[in-house]
Amino acid sequence: MVTAILLIKTERGRVVEVAEALSDIVGITEVYSVAGRYDLVAIIRVRNAEDMANLVTQEVVKVQGIRKTETLTAFRAYSRHDLEAAFSLGLAE
């Protein structure tokens, strides 16, 4: 599994439209609107680097309203949240 974080600047007034279009793309698992230098952050999870390349260069570029992107490829995940979720499966609270 290959994971990447896609940082996105949108055209003015098009954040919701772009976010909805991105969330419809297979391989983009989450889209967040954020404050700061970027308008959106998309989480990409695909099988391999070739799928990542295709998604970014062939699918994301079709989305109207994107001004700029920056793609950060993840090497490792250090999330306690995922570990805690896995260990708590099936346990009643």
Protein backbone atom coordinates (compact mmCIF):
# COMPACT_ATOMS: atom_id res chain seq x y z
CA MET A 1 0.00 0.00 0.00
CA VAL A 2 1.29 3.44 -0.96
CA THR A 3 0.03 6.48 0.92
CA ALA A 4 0.42 10.12 -0.05
CA ILE A 5 -0.82 13.44 1.25
CA LEU A 6 -1.97 15.84 -1.46
CA LEU A 7 -1.92 19.53 -0.51
CA ILE A 8 -4.25 21.59 -2.70
CA LYS A 9 -4.85 25.28 -3.39
CA THR A 10 -8.17 25.94 -5.10
CA GLU A 11 -9.54 28.82 -7.08
CA ARG A 12 -11.44 31.31 -4.94
CA GLY A 13 -14.88 30.05 -3.94
CA ARG A 14 -14.40 26.51 -5.26
CA VAL A 15 -13.26 24.61 -2.15
CA VAL A 16 -16.46 22.59 -1.71
CA GLU A 17 -16.76 21.78 -5.43
CA VAL A 18 -13.15 20.60 -5.63
CA ALA A 19 -13.40 18.62 -2.38
CA GLU A 20 -16.50 16.79 -3.61
CA ALA A 21 -14.89 16.00 -6.98
CA LEU A 22 -11.74 14.68 -5.29
CA SER A 23 -13.70 12.52 -2.87
CA ASP A 24 -15.31 10.75 -5.86
CA ILE A 25 -11.91 9.59 -7.19
CA VAL A 26 -11.08 5.97 -6.35
CA GLY A 27 -7.90 5.95 -4.27
CA ILE A 28 -8.60 9.22 -2.47
CA THR A 29 -9.83 8.05 0.90
CA GLU A 30 -10.27 11.35 2.72
CA VAL A 31 -10.49 15.04 1.86
CA TYR A 32 -10.21 17.75 4.51
CA SER A 33 -10.77 21.49 4.24
CA VAL A 34 -8.02 23.19 6.22
CA ALA A 35 -6.78 26.59 7.32
CA GLY A 36 -3.35 27.84 6.30
CA ARG A 37 -1.44 27.97 3.03
CA TYR A 38 -3.57 25.25 1.45
CA ASP A 39 -7.32 24.93 1.11
CA LEU A 40 -7.63 21.14 1.04
CA VAL A 41 -5.69 18.07 2.09
CA ALA A 42 -6.46 14.77 0.39
CA ILE A 43 -5.24 11.40 1.62
CA ILE A 44 -4.39 8.96 -1.15
CA ARG A 45 -4.08 5.22 -0.56
CA VAL A 46 -3.33 2.99 -3.55
CA ARG A 47 -1.66 -0.37 -4.22
CA ASN A 48 1.58 0.79 -5.80
CA ALA A 49 3.61 3.72 -7.13
CA GLU A 50 2.23 3.34 -10.64
CA ASP A 51 -1.34 3.65 -9.34
CA MET A 52 -0.22 6.77 -7.45
CA ALA A 53 1.31 8.28 -10.57
CA ASN A 54 -1.83 7.59 -12.59
CA LEU A 55 -4.13 9.00 -9.94
CA VAL A 56 -2.17 12.25 -9.55
CA THR A 57 -1.24 12.84 -13.20
CA GLN A 58 -4.37 11.53 -14.91
CA GLU A 59 -7.29 11.86 -12.46
CA VAL A 60 -6.55 14.80 -10.17
CA VAL A 61 -5.54 17.04 -13.08
CA LYS A 62 -9.06 16.66 -14.53
CA VAL A 63 -10.63 18.32 -11.48
CA GLN A 64 -11.63 21.86 -12.35
CA GLY A 65 -10.83 24.57 -9.80
CA ILE A 66 -7.42 23.37 -8.63
CA ARG A 67 -4.72 26.06 -8.81
CA LYS A 68 -1.77 24.20 -7.31
CA THR A 69 -0.90 20.89 -5.67
CA GLU A 70 1.98 19.45 -3.71
CA THR A 71 2.23 15.69 -3.24
CA LEU A 72 3.94 14.23 -0.17
CA THR A 73 4.67 10.52 -0.38
CA ALA A 74 4.53 8.76 2.98
CA PHE A 75 7.32 6.37 3.99
CA ARG A 76 5.91 5.05 7.28
CA ALA A 77 2.87 5.57 9.48
CA TYR A 78 3.30 6.24 13.18
CA SER A 79 -0.34 6.48 14.18
CA ARG A 80 -1.46 5.27 17.60
CA HIS A 81 -5.03 5.90 16.52
CA ASP A 82 -4.88 3.06 13.99
CA LEU A 83 -3.27 0.69 16.49
CA GLU A 84 -5.81 1.49 19.21
CA ALA A 85 -8.67 1.01 16.76
CA ALA A 86 -7.36 -2.40 15.72
CA PHE A 87 -7.00 -3.62 19.32
CA SER A 88 -10.43 -2.38 20.33
CA LEU A 89 -12.36 -4.25 17.62
CA GLY A 90 -15.17 -6.26 19.11
CA LEU A 91 -14.82 -4.81 22.60
CA ALA A 92 -17.84 -3.20 24.22
CA GLU A 93 -17.35 0.23 25.73
